[in-house]
Amino acid sequence: MDPDPANRVQALTVRMEEVALIVRKNVETVQERAGKLADVDERAEALKESTSIRLKRSYDEENSCCNQKKRKLVLVIVVGVLVIILIIVLLATGVIPMGSSSSTPPPMPIAPEP
């Protein structure tokens, strides 16, 4: 009742060749996917680099603007303080006369002598 062993071997050989063909196709598919994954990885790395460069450039531009504004503000404050100090020194030395003070009487006019 067993089939012919030669036919059985031939059927197994055919089946083995089919399985080997499927395995080869699977290996090729895996290799193609690996290649595609490598491409995707390269693109992702390039995108990461370009994004980090853009972010750094944007950050630098933003901070440059803020730093310039801070420098201008500090310069205005320093100049203002120097002007106030100069005015105080000039008032203290009498170079700039102070307004009339109520503690000193105004000078008396001198009458001409007859």
PDB file of N, CA and C in Angstrom:
ATOM      1  N   MET A   1       0.792  -1.166   0.000  1.00  0.00           N
ATOM      2  CA  MET A   1       0.000   0.000   0.000  1.00  0.00           C
ATOM      3  C   MET A   1       0.852   1.254   0.000  1.00  0.00           C
ATOM      4  N   ASP A   2       2.114   1.186   0.342  1.00  0.00           N
ATOM      5  CA  ASP A   2       2.993   2.347   0.251  1.00  0.00           C
ATOM      6  C   ASP A   2       3.244   2.663  -1.206  1.00  0.00           C
ATOM      7  N   PRO A   3       3.268   3.972  -1.537  1.00  0.00           N
ATOM      8  CA  PRO A   3       3.569   4.336  -2.920  1.00  0.00           C
ATOM      9  C   PRO A   3       4.996   3.963  -3.252  1.00  0.00           C
ATOM     10  N   ASP A   4       5.271   4.029  -4.491  1.00  0.00           N
ATOM     11  CA  ASP A   4       6.595   3.664  -4.987  1.00  0.00           C
ATOM     12  C   ASP A   4       7.639   4.597  -4.371  1.00  0.00           C
ATOM     13  N   PRO A   5       8.750   4.013  -3.792  1.00  0.00           N
ATOM     14  CA  PRO A   5       9.775   4.863  -3.177  1.00  0.00           C
ATOM     15  C   PRO A   5      10.412   5.829  -4.171  1.00  0.00           C
ATOM     16  N   ALA A   6      10.531   5.490  -5.403  1.00  0.00           N
ATOM     17  CA  ALA A   6      11.141   6.388  -6.390  1.00  0.00           C
ATOM     18  C   ALA A   6      10.251   7.603  -6.585  1.00  0.00           C
ATOM     19  N   ASN A   7       8.949   7.363  -6.673  1.00  0.00           N
ATOM     20  CA  ASN A   7       8.007   8.481  -6.811  1.00  0.00           C
ATOM     21  C   ASN A   7       8.015   9.354  -5.560  1.00  0.00           C
ATOM     22  N   ARG A   8       8.131   8.703  -4.433  1.00  0.00           N
ATOM     23  CA  ARG A   8       8.178   9.432  -3.159  1.00  0.00           C
ATOM     24  C   ARG A   8       9.409  10.311  -3.101  1.00  0.00           C
ATOM     25  N   VAL A   9      10.569   9.804  -3.506  1.00  0.00           N
ATOM     26  CA  VAL A   9      11.809  10.581  -3.512  1.00  0.00           C
ATOM     27  C   VAL A   9      11.682  11.739  -4.500  1.00  0.00           C
ATOM     28  N   GLN A  10      11.116  11.446  -5.656  1.00  0.00           N
ATOM     29  CA  GLN A  10      10.954  12.495  -6.662  1.00  0.00           C
ATOM     30  C   GLN A  10      10.004  13.577  -6.135  1.00  0.00           C
ATOM     31  N   ALA A  11       8.941  13.216  -5.471  1.00  0.00           N
ATOM     32  CA  ALA A  11       7.995  14.187  -4.910  1.00  0.00           C
ATOM     33  C   ALA A  11       8.665  15.017  -3.831  1.00  0.00           C
ATOM     34  N   LEU A  12       9.489  14.378  -3.001  1.00  0.00           N
ATOM     35  CA  LEU A  12      10.212  15.106  -1.954  1.00  0.00           C
ATOM     36  C   LEU A  12      11.234  16.060  -2.571  1.00  0.00           C
ATOM     37  N   THR A  13      11.881  15.607  -3.645  1.00  0.00           N
ATOM     38  CA  THR A  13      12.866  16.461  -4.324  1.00  0.00           C
ATOM     39  C   THR A  13      12.175  17.701  -4.893  1.00  0.00           C
ATOM     40  N   VAL A  14      11.032  17.517  -5.527  1.00  0.00           N
ATOM     41  CA  VAL A  14      10.273  18.646  -6.090  1.00  0.00           C
ATOM     42  C   VAL A  14       9.864  19.596  -4.964  1.00  0.00           C
ATOM     43  N   ARG A  15       9.367  19.013  -3.894  1.00  0.00           N
ATOM     44  CA  ARG A  15       8.938  19.825  -2.744  1.00  0.00           C
ATOM     45  C   ARG A  15      10.126  20.580  -2.161  1.00  0.00           C
ATOM     46  N   MET A  16      11.287  19.917  -2.049  1.00  0.00           N
ATOM     47  CA  MET A  16      12.493  20.545  -1.513  1.00  0.00           C
ATOM     48  C   MET A  16      12.933  21.700  -2.412  1.00  0.00           C
ATOM     49  N   GLU A  17      12.840  21.529  -3.735  1.00  0.00           N
ATOM     50  CA  GLU A  17      13.206  22.602  -4.655  1.00  0.00           C
ATOM     51  C   GLU A  17      12.247  23.785  -4.523  1.00  0.00           C
ATOM     52  N   GLU A  18      10.973  23.510  -4.314  1.00  0.00           N
ATOM     53  CA  GLU A  18      10.003  24.571  -4.096  1.00  0.00           C
ATOM     54  C   GLU A  18      10.323  25.354  -2.821  1.00  0.00           C
ATOM     55  N   VAL A  19      10.638  24.619  -1.757  1.00  0.00           N
ATOM     56  CA  VAL A  19      10.987  25.261  -0.482  1.00  0.00           C
ATOM     57  C   VAL A  19      12.275  26.074  -0.640  1.00  0.00           C
ATOM     58  N   ALA A  20      13.268  25.512  -1.356  1.00  0.00           N
ATOM     59  CA  ALA A  20      14.523  26.230  -1.577  1.00  0.00           C
ATOM     60  C   ALA A  20      14.278  27.508  -2.366  1.00  0.00           C
ATOM     61  N   LEU A  21      13.379  27.446  -3.371  1.00  0.00           N
ATOM     62  CA  LEU A  21      13.038  28.629  -4.147  1.00  0.00           C
ATOM     63  C   LEU A  21      12.371  29.687  -3.258  1.00  0.00           C
ATOM     64  N   ILE A  22      11.468  29.258  -2.404  1.00  0.00           N
ATOM     65  CA  ILE A  22      10.806  30.182  -1.481  1.00  0.00           C
ATOM     66  C   ILE A  22      11.830  30.814  -0.535  1.00  0.00           C
ATOM     67  N   VAL A  23      12.764  29.994  -0.024  1.00  0.00           N
ATOM     68  CA  VAL A  23      13.801  30.515   0.879  1.00  0.00           C
ATOM     69  C   VAL A  23      14.659  31.542   0.150  1.00  0.00           C
ATOM     70  N   ARG A  24      15.048  31.264  -1.107  1.00  0.00           N
ATOM     71  CA  ARG A  24      15.854  32.214  -1.885  1.00  0.00           C
ATOM     72  C   ARG A  24      15.110  33.536  -2.067  1.00  0.00           C
ATOM     73  N   LYS A  25      13.820  33.436  -2.415  1.00  0.00           N
ATOM     74  CA  LYS A  25      13.020  34.653  -2.587  1.00  0.00           C
ATOM     75  C   LYS A  25      12.935  35.438  -1.277  1.00  0.00           C
ATOM     76  N   ASN A  26      12.764  34.732  -0.191  1.00  0.00           N
ATOM     77  CA  ASN A  26      12.714  35.404   1.116  1.00  0.00           C
ATOM     78  C   ASN A  26      14.041  36.092   1.441  1.00  0.00           C
ATOM     79  N   VAL A  27      15.151  35.421   1.145  1.00  0.00           N
ATOM     80  CA  VAL A  27      16.472  36.017   1.386  1.00  0.00           C
ATOM     81  C   VAL A  27      16.644  37.262   0.533  1.00  0.00           C
ATOM     82  N   GLU A  28      16.241  37.182  -0.744  1.00  0.00           N
ATOM     83  CA  GLU A  28      16.335  38.357  -1.617  1.00  0.00           C
ATOM     84  C   GLU A  28      15.477  39.503  -1.090  1.00  0.00           C
ATOM     85  N   THR A  29      14.265  39.163  -0.644  1.00  0.00           N
ATOM     86  CA  THR A  29      13.379  40.182  -0.100  1.00  0.00           C
ATOM     87  C   THR A  29      13.988  40.832   1.135  1.00  0.00           C
ATOM     88  N   VAL A  30      14.571  40.023   1.992  1.00  0.00           N
ATOM     89  CA  VAL A  30      15.212  40.554   3.205  1.00  0.00           C
ATOM     90  C   VAL A  30      16.381  41.453   2.829  1.00  0.00           C
ATOM     91  N   GLN A  31      17.178  41.043   1.832  1.00  0.00           N
ATOM     92  CA  GLN A  31      18.307  41.867   1.394  1.00  0.00           C
ATOM     93  C   GLN A  31      17.824  43.191   0.805  1.00  0.00           C
ATOM     94  N   GLU A  32      16.752  43.151   0.014  1.00  0.00           N
ATOM     95  CA  GLU A  32      16.195  44.388  -0.546  1.00  0.00           C
ATOM     96  C   GLU A  32      15.716  45.314   0.572  1.00  0.00           C
ATOM     97  N   ARG A  33      15.043  44.728   1.535  1.00  0.00           N
ATOM     98  CA  ARG A  33      14.561  45.528   2.666  1.00  0.00           C
ATOM     99  C   ARG A  33      15.728  46.113   3.448  1.00  0.00           C
ATOM    100  N   ALA A  34      16.770  45.330   3.618  1.00  0.00           N
ATOM    101  CA  ALA A  34      17.954  45.832   4.329  1.00  0.00           C
ATOM    102  C   ALA A  34      18.543  47.017   3.573  1.00  0.00           C
ATOM    103  N   GLY A  35      18.607  46.915   2.254  1.00  0.00           N
ATOM    104  CA  GLY A  35      19.098  48.033   1.441  1.00  0.00           C
ATOM    105  C   GLY A  35      18.210  49.257   1.580  1.00  0.00           C
ATOM    106  N   LYS A  36      16.891  49.021   1.545  1.00  0.00           N
ATOM    107  CA  LYS A  36      15.959  50.132   1.700  1.00  0.00           C
ATOM    108  C   LYS A  36      16.076  50.743   3.093  1.00  0.00           C
ATOM    109  N   LEU A  37      16.246  49.899   4.103  1.00  0.00           N
ATOM    110  CA  LEU A  37      16.420  50.409   5.460  1.00  0.00           C
ATOM    111  C   LEU A  37      17.693  51.238   5.571  1.00  0.00           C
ATOM    112  N   ALA A  38      18.746  50.799   4.890  1.00  0.00           N
ATOM    113  CA  ALA A  38      19.993  51.572   4.902  1.00  0.00           C
ATOM    114  C   ALA A  38      19.766  52.933   4.253  1.00  0.00           C
ATOM    115  N   ASP A  39      19.015  52.962   3.139  1.00  0.00           N
ATOM    116  CA  ASP A  39      18.692  54.236   2.490  1.00  0.00           C
ATOM    117  C   ASP A  39      17.882  55.133   3.412  1.00  0.00           C
ATOM    118  N   VAL A  40      16.890  54.547   4.063  1.00  0.00           N
ATOM    119  CA  VAL A  40      16.060  55.321   4.989  1.00  0.00           C
ATOM    120  C   VAL A  40      16.908  55.843   6.139  1.00  0.00           C
ATOM    121  N   ASP A  41      17.812  55.017   6.623  1.00  0.00           N
ATOM    122  CA  ASP A  41      18.694  55.431   7.713  1.00  0.00           C
ATOM    123  C   ASP A  41      19.579  56.596   7.272  1.00  0.00           C
ATOM    124  N   GLU A  42      20.114  56.520   6.051  1.00  0.00           N
ATOM    125  CA  GLU A  42      20.939  57.616   5.537  1.00  0.00           C
ATOM    126  C   GLU A  42      20.124  58.900   5.410  1.00  0.00           C
ATOM    127  N   ARG A  43      18.906  58.772   4.882  1.00  0.00           N
ATOM    128  CA  ARG A  43      18.046  59.950   4.747  1.00  0.00           C
ATOM    129  C   ARG A  43      17.699  60.536   6.105  1.00  0.00           C
ATOM    130  N   ALA A  44      17.417  59.664   7.055  1.00  0.00           N
ATOM    131  CA  ALA A  44      17.089  60.142   8.406  1.00  0.00           C
ATOM    132  C   ALA A  44      18.279  60.878   9.017  1.00  0.00           C
ATOM    133  N   GLU A  45      19.462  60.347   8.818  1.00  0.00           N
ATOM    134  CA  GLU A  45      20.669  60.993   9.347  1.00  0.00           C
ATOM    135  C   GLU A  45      20.875  62.353   8.677  1.00  0.00           C
ATOM    136  N   ALA A  46      20.690  62.422   7.362  1.00  0.00           N
ATOM    137  CA  ALA A  46      20.830  63.691   6.644  1.00  0.00           C
ATOM    138  C   ALA A  46      19.785  64.694   7.126  1.00  0.00           C
ATOM    139  N   LEU A  47      18.558  64.228   7.314  1.00  0.00           N
ATOM    140  CA  LEU A  47      17.495  65.105   7.808  1.00  0.00           C
ATOM    141  C   LEU A  47      17.816  65.602   9.213  1.00  0.00           C
ATOM    142  N   LYS A  48      18.326  64.710  10.041  1.00  0.00           N
ATOM    143  CA  LYS A  48      18.695  65.087  11.405  1.00  0.00           C
ATOM    144  C   LYS A  48      19.774  66.158  11.390  1.00  0.00           C
ATOM    145  N   GLU A  49      20.776  65.989  10.544  1.00  0.00           N
ATOM    146  CA  GLU A  49      21.860  66.970  10.462  1.00  0.00           C
ATOM    147  C   GLU A  49      21.351  68.310   9.946  1.00  0.00           C
ATOM    148  N   SER A  50      20.549  68.275   8.868  1.00  0.00           N
ATOM    149  CA  SER A  50      20.052  69.535   8.314  1.00  0.00           C
ATOM    150  C   SER A  50      19.121  70.232   9.299  1.00  0.00           C
ATOM    151  N   THR A  51      18.320  69.459  10.020  1.00  0.00           N
ATOM    152  CA  THR A  51      17.426  70.053  11.013  1.00  0.00           C
ATOM    153  C   THR A  51      18.221  70.674  12.148  1.00  0.00           C
ATOM    154  N   SER A  52      19.250  69.977  12.614  1.00  0.00           N
ATOM    155  CA  SER A  52      20.043  70.536  13.709  1.00  0.00           C
ATOM    156  C   SER A  52      20.785  71.787  13.247  1.00  0.00           C
ATOM    157  N   ILE A  53      21.241  71.800  11.994  1.00  0.00           N
ATOM    158  CA  ILE A  53      21.907  72.995  11.472  1.00  0.00           C
ATOM    159  C   ILE A  53      20.915  74.148  11.403  1.00  0.00           C
ATOM    160  N   ARG A  54      19.699  73.876  10.888  1.00  0.00           N
ATOM    161  CA  ARG A  54      18.686  74.932  10.804  1.00  0.00           C
ATOM    162  C   ARG A  54      18.307  75.441  12.187  1.00  0.00           C
ATOM    163  N   LEU A  55      18.142  74.525  13.150  1.00  0.00           N
ATOM    164  CA  LEU A  55      17.787  74.939  14.501  1.00  0.00           C
ATOM    165  C   LEU A  55      18.895  75.774  15.128  1.00  0.00           C
ATOM    166  N   LYS A  56      20.147  75.363  14.920  1.00  0.00           N
ATOM    167  CA  LYS A  56      21.272  76.120  15.470  1.00  0.00           C
ATOM    168  C   LYS A  56      21.326  77.499  14.847  1.00  0.00           C
ATOM    169  N   ARG A  57      21.148  77.562  13.524  1.00  0.00           N
ATOM    170  CA  ARG A  57      21.183  78.857  12.834  1.00  0.00           C
ATOM    171  C   ARG A  57      20.056  79.745  13.354  1.00  0.00           C
ATOM    172  N   SER A  58      18.865  79.175  13.514  1.00  0.00           N
ATOM    173  CA  SER A  58      17.721  79.932  14.018  1.00  0.00           C
ATOM    174  C   SER A  58      17.986  80.413  15.439  1.00  0.00           C
ATOM    175  N   TYR A  59      18.541  79.533  16.273  1.00  0.00           N
ATOM    176  CA  TYR A  59      18.864  79.890  17.659  1.00  0.00           C
ATOM    177  C   TYR A  59      19.901  81.002  17.690  1.00  0.00           C
ATOM    178  N   ASP A  60      20.930  80.891  16.844  1.00  0.00           N
ATOM    179  CA  ASP A  60      21.974  81.912  16.798  1.00  0.00           C
ATOM    180  C   ASP A  60      21.401  83.251  16.350  1.00  0.00           C
ATOM    181  N   GLU A  61      20.531  83.228  15.319  1.00  0.00           N
ATOM    182  CA  GLU A  61      19.934  84.473  14.837  1.00  0.00           C
ATOM    183  C   GLU A  61      19.052  85.091  15.913  1.00  0.00           C
ATOM    184  N   GLU A  62      18.291  84.253  16.596  1.00  0.00           N
ATOM    185  CA  GLU A  62      17.399  84.757  17.638  1.00  0.00           C
ATOM    186  C   GLU A  62      18.202  85.362  18.777  1.00  0.00           C
ATOM    187  N   ASN A  63      19.236  84.685  19.206  1.00  0.00           N
ATOM    188  CA  ASN A  63      20.057  85.198  20.301  1.00  0.00           C
ATOM    189  C   ASN A  63      20.869  86.398  19.869  1.00  0.00           C
ATOM    190  N   SER A  64      21.288  86.431  18.615  1.00  0.00           N
ATOM    191  CA  SER A  64      22.036  87.582  18.119  1.00  0.00           C
ATOM    192  C   SER A  64      21.175  88.826  18.208  1.00  0.00           C
ATOM    193  N   CYS A  65      19.925  88.702  17.821  1.00  0.00           N
ATOM    194  CA  CYS A  65      18.992  89.829  17.882  1.00  0.00           C
ATOM    195  C   CYS A  65      18.812  90.275  19.329  1.00  0.00           C
ATOM    196  N   CYS A  66      18.591  89.326  20.211  1.00  0.00           N
ATOM    197  CA  CYS A  66      18.390  89.652  21.622  1.00  0.00           C
ATOM    198  C   CYS A  66      19.655  90.254  22.223  1.00  0.00           C
ATOM    199  N   ASN A  67      20.800  89.711  21.863  1.00  0.00           N
ATOM    200  CA  ASN A  67      22.058  90.239  22.388  1.00  0.00           C
ATOM    201  C   ASN A  67      22.274  91.665  21.925  1.00  0.00           C
ATOM    202  N   GLN A  68      21.925  91.979  20.677  1.00  0.00           N
ATOM    203  CA  GLN A  68      22.075  93.344  20.182  1.00  0.00           C
ATOM    204  C   GLN A  68      21.145  94.282  20.941  1.00  0.00           C
ATOM    205  N   LYS A  69      19.942  93.849  21.203  1.00  0.00           N
ATOM    206  CA  LYS A  69      18.997  94.678  21.952  1.00  0.00           C
ATOM    207  C   LYS A  69      19.499  94.902  23.377  1.00  0.00           C
ATOM    208  N   LYS A  70      20.040  93.856  23.980  1.00  0.00           N
ATOM    209  CA  LYS A  70      20.579  93.987  25.336  1.00  0.00           C
ATOM    210  C   LYS A  70      21.752  94.950  25.349  1.00  0.00           C
ATOM    211  N   ARG A  71      22.627  94.850  24.345  1.00  0.00           N
ATOM    212  CA  ARG A  71      23.777  95.755  24.277  1.00  0.00           C
ATOM    213  C   ARG A  71      23.316  97.196  24.132  1.00  0.00           C
ATOM    214  N   LYS A  72      22.333  97.443  23.286  1.00  0.00           N
ATOM    215  CA  LYS A  72      21.829  98.799  23.095  1.00  0.00           C
ATOM    216  C   LYS A  72      21.226  99.336  24.390  1.00  0.00           C
ATOM    217  N   LEU A  73      20.461  98.510  25.090  1.00  0.00           N
ATOM    218  CA  LEU A  73      19.854  98.929  26.346  1.00  0.00           C
ATOM    219  C   LEU A  73      20.918  99.267  27.380  1.00  0.00           C
ATOM    220  N   VAL A  74      21.933  98.434  27.493  1.00  0.00           N
ATOM    221  CA  VAL A  74      23.010  98.690  28.449  1.00  0.00           C
ATOM    222  C   VAL A  74      23.736  99.979  28.078  1.00  0.00           C
ATOM    223  N   LEU A  75      23.973 100.195  26.796  1.00  0.00           N
ATOM    224  CA  LEU A  75      24.650 101.414  26.350  1.00  0.00           C
ATOM    225  C   LEU A  75      23.825 102.647  26.699  1.00  0.00           C
ATOM    226  N   VAL A  76      22.522 102.607  26.482  1.00  0.00           N
ATOM    227  CA  VAL A  76      21.659 103.732  26.825  1.00  0.00           C
ATOM    228  C   VAL A  76      21.685 104.002  28.328  1.00  0.00           C
ATOM    229  N   ILE A  77      21.630 102.960  29.118  1.00  0.00           N
ATOM    230  CA  ILE A  77      21.656 103.120  30.580  1.00  0.00           C
ATOM    231  C   ILE A  77      22.984 103.714  31.027  1.00  0.00           C
ATOM    232  N   VAL A  78      24.090 103.221  30.503  1.00  0.00           N
ATOM    233  CA  VAL A  78      25.416 103.721  30.887  1.00  0.00           C
ATOM    234  C   VAL A  78      25.556 105.194  30.513  1.00  0.00           C
ATOM    235  N   VAL A  79      25.132 105.542  29.292  1.00  0.00           N
ATOM    236  CA  VAL A  79      25.223 106.941  28.865  1.00  0.00           C
ATOM    237  C   VAL A  79      24.339 107.816  29.753  1.00  0.00           C
ATOM    238  N   GLY A  80      23.146 107.349  30.079  1.00  0.00           N
ATOM    239  CA  GLY A  80      22.257 108.112  30.962  1.00  0.00           C
ATOM    240  C   GLY A  80      22.871 108.345  32.331  1.00  0.00           C
ATOM    241  N   VAL A  81      23.452 107.298  32.904  1.00  0.00           N
ATOM    242  CA  VAL A  81      24.088 107.431  34.225  1.00  0.00           C
ATOM    243  C   VAL A  81      25.262 108.402  34.149  1.00  0.00           C
ATOM    244  N   LEU A  82      26.067 108.317  33.087  1.00  0.00           N
ATOM    245  CA  LEU A  82      27.205 109.234  32.946  1.00  0.00           C
ATOM    246  C   LEU A  82      26.741 110.684  32.830  1.00  0.00           C
ATOM    247  N   VAL A  83      25.664 110.933  32.094  1.00  0.00           N
ATOM    248  CA  VAL A  83      25.136 112.297  31.958  1.00  0.00           C
ATOM    249  C   VAL A  83      24.666 112.815  33.316  1.00  0.00           C
ATOM    250  N   ILE A  84      23.973 111.983  34.075  1.00  0.00           N
ATOM    251  CA  ILE A  84      23.507 112.397  35.409  1.00  0.00           C
ATOM    252  C   ILE A  84      24.688 112.702  36.319  1.00  0.00           C
ATOM    253  N   ILE A  85      25.719 111.860  36.293  1.00  0.00           N
ATOM    254  CA  ILE A  85      26.917 112.098  37.123  1.00  0.00           C
ATOM    255  C   ILE A  85      27.592 113.398  36.693  1.00  0.00           C
ATOM    256  N   LEU A  86      27.695 113.636  35.393  1.00  0.00           N
ATOM    257  CA  LEU A  86      28.311 114.869  34.895  1.00  0.00           C
ATOM    258  C   LEU A  86      27.533 116.099  35.362  1.00  0.00           C
ATOM    259  N   ILE A  87      26.218 116.038  35.306  1.00  0.00           N
ATOM    260  CA  ILE A  87      25.398 117.167  35.759  1.00  0.00           C
ATOM    261  C   ILE A  87      25.601 117.413  37.248  1.00  0.00           C
ATOM    262  N   ILE A  88      25.631 116.333  38.032  1.00  0.00           N
ATOM    263  CA  ILE A  88      25.841 116.479  39.475  1.00  0.00           C
ATOM    264  C   ILE A  88      27.198 117.115  39.752  1.00  0.00           C
ATOM    265  N   VAL A  89      28.243 116.662  39.064  1.00  0.00           N
ATOM    266  CA  VAL A  89      29.587 117.215  39.281  1.00  0.00           C
ATOM    267  C   VAL A  89      29.615 118.691  38.881  1.00  0.00           C
ATOM    268  N   LEU A  90      29.017 119.043  37.754  1.00  0.00           N
ATOM    269  CA  LEU A  90      29.004 120.440  37.308  1.00  0.00           C
ATOM    270  C   LEU A  90      28.205 121.328  38.269  1.00  0.00           C
ATOM    271  N   LEU A  91      27.115 120.815  38.802  1.00  0.00           N
ATOM    272  CA  LEU A  91      26.356 121.579  39.796  1.00  0.00           C
ATOM    273  C   LEU A  91      27.158 121.758  41.088  1.00  0.00           C
ATOM    274  N   ALA A  92      27.859 120.704  41.509  1.00  0.00           N
ATOM    275  CA  ALA A  92      28.617 120.763  42.755  1.00  0.00           C
ATOM    276  C   ALA A  92      29.809 121.711  42.639  1.00  0.00           C
ATOM    277  N   THR A  93      30.408 121.791  41.475  1.00  0.00           N
ATOM    278  CA  THR A  93      31.582 122.670  41.312  1.00  0.00           C
ATOM    279  C   THR A  93      31.181 124.098  40.978  1.00  0.00           C
ATOM    280  N   GLY A  94      29.927 124.328  40.722  1.00  0.00           N
ATOM    281  CA  GLY A  94      29.469 125.684  40.447  1.00  0.00           C
ATOM    282  C   GLY A  94      29.574 126.059  38.986  1.00  0.00           C
ATOM    283  N   VAL A  95      29.981 125.186  38.144  1.00  0.00           N
ATOM    284  CA  VAL A  95      30.052 125.491  36.721  1.00  0.00           C
ATOM    285  C   VAL A  95      28.652 125.775  36.196  1.00  0.00           C
ATOM    286  N   ILE A  96      27.705 125.013  36.666  1.00  0.00           N
ATOM    287  CA  ILE A  96      26.305 125.275  36.349  1.00  0.00           C
ATOM    288  C   ILE A  96      25.707 125.909  37.599  1.00  0.00           C
ATOM    289  N   PRO A  97      25.298 127.186  37.506  1.00  0.00           N
ATOM    290  CA  PRO A  97      24.752 127.831  38.703  1.00  0.00           C
ATOM    291  C   PRO A  97      23.393 127.239  39.053  1.00  0.00           C
ATOM    292  N   MET A  98      23.194 127.089  40.340  1.00  0.00           N
ATOM    293  CA  MET A  98      21.905 126.601  40.799  1.00  0.00           C
ATOM    294  C   MET A  98      20.937 127.763  40.805  1.00  0.00           C
ATOM    295  N   GLY A  99      19.675 127.481  40.768  1.00  0.00           N
ATOM    296  CA  GLY A  99      18.654 128.522  40.792  1.00  0.00           C
ATOM    297  C   GLY A  99      18.777 129.360  42.057  1.00  0.00           C
ATOM    298  N   SER A 100      18.055 130.486  42.104  1.00  0.00           N
ATOM    299  CA  SER A 100      18.159 131.357  43.273  1.00  0.00           C
ATOM    300  C   SER A 100      17.682 130.614  44.499  1.00  0.00           C
ATOM    301  N   SER A 101      18.446 130.785  45.543  1.00  0.00           N
ATOM    302  CA  SER A 101      18.145 130.099  46.785  1.00  0.00           C
ATOM    303  C   SER A 101      17.456 131.080  47.714  1.00  0.00           C
ATOM    304  N   SER A 102      16.490 130.654  48.467  1.00  0.00           N
ATOM    305  CA  SER A 102      15.761 131.548  49.371  1.00  0.00           C
ATOM    306  C   SER A 102      16.604 131.920  50.586  1.00  0.00           C
ATOM    307  N   SER A 103      17.687 131.226  50.876  1.00  0.00           N
ATOM    308  CA  SER A 103      18.495 131.523  52.055  1.00  0.00           C
ATOM    309  C   SER A 103      19.426 132.706  51.829  1.00  0.00           C
ATOM    310  N   THR A 104      19.727 133.027  50.620  1.00  0.00           N
ATOM    311  CA  THR A 104      20.592 134.186  50.371  1.00  0.00           C
ATOM    312  C   THR A 104      19.761 135.297  49.755  1.00  0.00           C
ATOM    313  N   PRO A 105      19.888 136.483  50.315  1.00  0.00           N
ATOM    314  CA  PRO A 105      19.098 137.579  49.773  1.00  0.00           C
ATOM    315  C   PRO A 105      19.660 138.028  48.438  1.00  0.00           C
ATOM    316  N   PRO A 106      18.823 138.619  47.617  1.00  0.00           N
ATOM    317  CA  PRO A 106      19.334 139.103  46.340  1.00  0.00           C
ATOM    318  C   PRO A 106      20.275 140.276  46.591  1.00  0.00           C
ATOM    319  N   PRO A 107      21.205 140.487  45.710  1.00  0.00           N
ATOM    320  CA  PRO A 107      22.155 141.592  45.940  1.00  0.00           C
ATOM    321  C   PRO A 107      21.418 142.949  45.898  1.00  0.00           C
ATOM    322  N   MET A 108      21.925 143.854  46.772  1.00  0.00           N
ATOM    323  CA  MET A 108      21.329 145.204  46.882  1.00  0.00           C
ATOM    324  C   MET A 108      21.893 146.081  45.776  1.00  0.00           C
ATOM    325  N   PRO A 109      21.049 146.821  45.169  1.00  0.00           N
ATOM    326  CA  PRO A 109      21.586 147.727  44.148  1.00  0.00           C
ATOM    327  C   PRO A 109      22.405 148.849  44.813  1.00  0.00           C
ATOM    328  N   ILE A 110      23.433 149.190  44.180  1.00  0.00           N
ATOM    329  CA  ILE A 110      24.298 150.245  44.706  1.00  0.00           C
ATOM    330  C   ILE A 110      23.805 151.583  44.131  1.00  0.00           C
ATOM    331  N   ALA A 111      23.591 152.513  45.083  1.00  0.00           N
ATOM    332  CA  ALA A 111      23.118 153.830  44.662  1.00  0.00           C
ATOM    333  C   ALA A 111      24.300 154.661  44.223  1.00  0.00           C
ATOM    334  N   PRO A 112      24.137 155.463  43.205  1.00  0.00           N
ATOM    335  CA  PRO A 112      25.258 156.280  42.761  1.00  0.00           C
ATOM    336  C   PRO A 112      25.554 157.378  43.793  1.00  0.00           C
ATOM    337  N   GLU A 113      26.754 157.770  43.924  1.00  0.00           N
ATOM    338  CA  GLU A 113      27.168 158.782  44.892  1.00  0.00           C
ATOM    339  C   GLU A 113      26.911 160.164  44.301  1.00  0.00           C
ATOM    340  N   PRO A 114      26.393 161.032  45.147  1.00  0.00           N
ATOM    341  CA  PRO A 114      26.122 162.394  44.661  1.00  0.00           C
ATOM    342  C   PRO A 114      27.363 163.231  44.536  1.00  0.00           C
TER     343      PRO A 114
END
